[in-house]
Amino acid sequence: MSKEILLYEAPNRLQERVKDYMTKYPHTSLLVVKRYDDTPFKDKTVIQTRYVVFLENGNLLMTLEYGESSDPEYDWYRDEIRESCMIAAYMKVFWKKVGGLSNDARLYPTQV
């Protein structure tokens, strides 16, 4: 399940990373912050919560992602903020080649 949230609702660690990036690159726009709650493990009582910040800096599209688990045994990434980025023109090539979202992506909307 995904939910759009405000930046201040995300963990402090992620908020600070976003603020640092936006200070370093002042023309960056914060597009949206999303929270995803999933149960990807066999034990469906374990909830994986991911916070994803979507940023745009000119033609660079970027996500900063931070995750935490309701069970410390499954909390592999707690201290890590993952960064992904792609040039918008490259994204356009992917979009054109796949004709929008692939069938697999439509099956798993929280993964897109």
Protein backbone atom coordinates (compact mmCIF):
# COMPACT_ATOMS: atom_id res chain seq x y z
CA MET A 1 0.00 0.00 0.00
CA SER A 2 1.34 3.43 -0.85
CA LYS A 3 0.48 6.82 0.56
CA GLU A 4 1.63 10.31 -0.36
CA ILE A 5 3.07 12.05 2.70
CA LEU A 6 4.82 15.30 3.57
CA LEU A 7 8.60 15.35 4.00
CA TYR A 8 8.35 16.05 7.74
CA GLU A 9 6.47 12.72 8.10
CA ALA A 10 9.49 10.79 6.81
CA PRO A 11 12.30 9.66 9.14
CA ASN A 12 14.70 12.43 10.21
CA ARG A 13 17.64 10.69 8.55
CA LEU A 14 15.93 10.92 5.15
CA GLN A 15 14.75 14.48 5.75
CA GLU A 16 18.32 15.58 6.46
CA ARG A 17 19.63 13.88 3.32
CA VAL A 18 17.01 15.65 1.19
CA LYS A 19 17.77 19.02 2.79
CA ASP A 20 21.52 18.53 2.27
CA TYR A 21 20.98 17.64 -1.40
CA MET A 22 18.64 20.58 -1.99
CA THR A 23 21.11 22.94 -0.31
CA LYS A 24 23.96 21.66 -2.47
CA TYR A 25 21.79 21.83 -5.62
CA PRO A 26 19.36 24.73 -5.02
CA HIS A 27 17.49 24.32 -8.34
CA THR A 28 16.19 20.93 -7.22
CA SER A 29 12.43 20.46 -6.91
CA LEU A 30 10.84 18.04 -4.49
CA LEU A 31 8.12 16.35 -6.52
CA VAL A 32 6.53 13.99 -4.01
CA VAL A 33 7.25 11.88 -0.93
CA LYS A 34 5.64 8.44 -0.73
CA ARG A 35 5.41 5.84 1.99
CA TYR A 36 5.04 2.19 1.00
CA ASP A 37 3.97 -0.47 3.52
CA ASP A 38 4.53 -4.02 2.26
CA THR A 39 4.64 -7.53 3.69
CA PRO A 40 7.22 -9.16 1.38
CA PHE A 41 8.26 -11.94 3.75
CA LYS A 42 6.75 -15.36 4.48
CA ASP A 43 5.89 -14.04 7.93
CA LYS A 44 3.14 -11.58 6.98
CA THR A 45 3.25 -9.95 10.42
CA VAL A 46 6.56 -8.32 9.40
CA ILE A 47 5.88 -4.97 7.72
CA GLN A 48 8.53 -3.38 5.52
CA THR A 49 8.07 0.40 5.35
CA ARG A 50 9.85 2.33 2.61
CA TYR A 51 9.96 6.10 2.28
CA VAL A 52 10.76 7.38 -1.19
CA VAL A 53 11.47 11.01 -2.06
CA PHE A 54 11.17 11.95 -5.75
CA LEU A 55 13.35 14.87 -6.84
CA GLU A 56 13.97 16.71 -10.10
CA ASN A 57 17.08 18.73 -10.85
CA GLY A 58 16.90 20.01 -14.42
CA ASN A 59 16.81 16.87 -16.54
CA LEU A 60 17.96 14.60 -13.70
CA LEU A 61 15.25 12.54 -12.02
CA MET A 62 16.23 11.11 -8.65
CA THR A 63 14.83 9.05 -5.81
CA LEU A 64 16.15 8.80 -2.28
CA GLU A 65 14.80 5.75 -0.45
CA TYR A 66 14.96 4.72 3.18
CA GLY A 67 13.43 1.56 4.60
CA GLU A 68 12.76 0.04 7.96
CA SER A 69 11.15 -3.16 9.16
CA SER A 70 8.81 -3.90 12.05
CA ASP A 71 11.15 -6.79 12.98
CA PRO A 72 14.86 -6.03 13.57
CA GLU A 73 15.79 -9.44 12.12
CA TYR A 74 14.55 -8.24 8.71
CA ASP A 75 15.86 -4.69 9.03
CA TRP A 76 18.75 -5.04 6.56
CA TYR A 77 18.83 -1.44 5.28
CA ARG A 78 18.01 0.68 8.34
CA ASP A 79 21.26 2.66 8.18
CA GLU A 80 21.29 3.07 4.40
CA ILE A 81 19.68 5.64 2.14
CA ARG A 82 19.60 4.37 -1.42
CA GLU A 83 19.91 6.84 -4.27
CA SER A 84 18.77 6.21 -7.83
CA CYS A 85 18.83 8.65 -10.70
CA MET A 86 18.32 8.82 -14.42
CA ILE A 87 18.46 11.52 -17.07
CA ALA A 88 14.92 12.40 -18.18
CA ALA A 89 15.78 11.84 -21.86
CA TYR A 90 16.88 8.28 -21.01
CA MET A 91 13.63 7.70 -19.16
CA LYS A 92 11.80 8.84 -22.29
CA VAL A 93 13.59 6.14 -24.31
CA PHE A 94 12.52 3.45 -21.84
CA TRP A 95 8.97 4.74 -21.80
CA LYS A 96 8.82 4.78 -25.62
CA LYS A 97 10.29 1.27 -25.94
CA VAL A 98 7.95 -0.37 -23.44
CA GLY A 99 4.88 1.63 -24.45
CA GLY A 100 4.29 2.90 -20.94
CA LEU A 101 4.26 0.49 -18.01
CA SER A 102 5.00 -3.15 -18.68
CA ASN A 103 2.44 -5.76 -17.71
CA ASP A 104 4.62 -6.82 -14.77
CA ALA A 105 4.73 -3.25 -13.47
CA ARG A 106 0.94 -3.03 -13.61
CA LEU A 107 0.70 -6.13 -11.43
CA TYR A 108 2.87 -4.58 -8.71
CA PRO A 109 1.84 -0.90 -8.52
CA THR A 110 3.73 -0.22 -5.27
CA GLN A 111 6.97 -1.19 -7.01
CA VAL A 112 6.63 1.55 -9.64
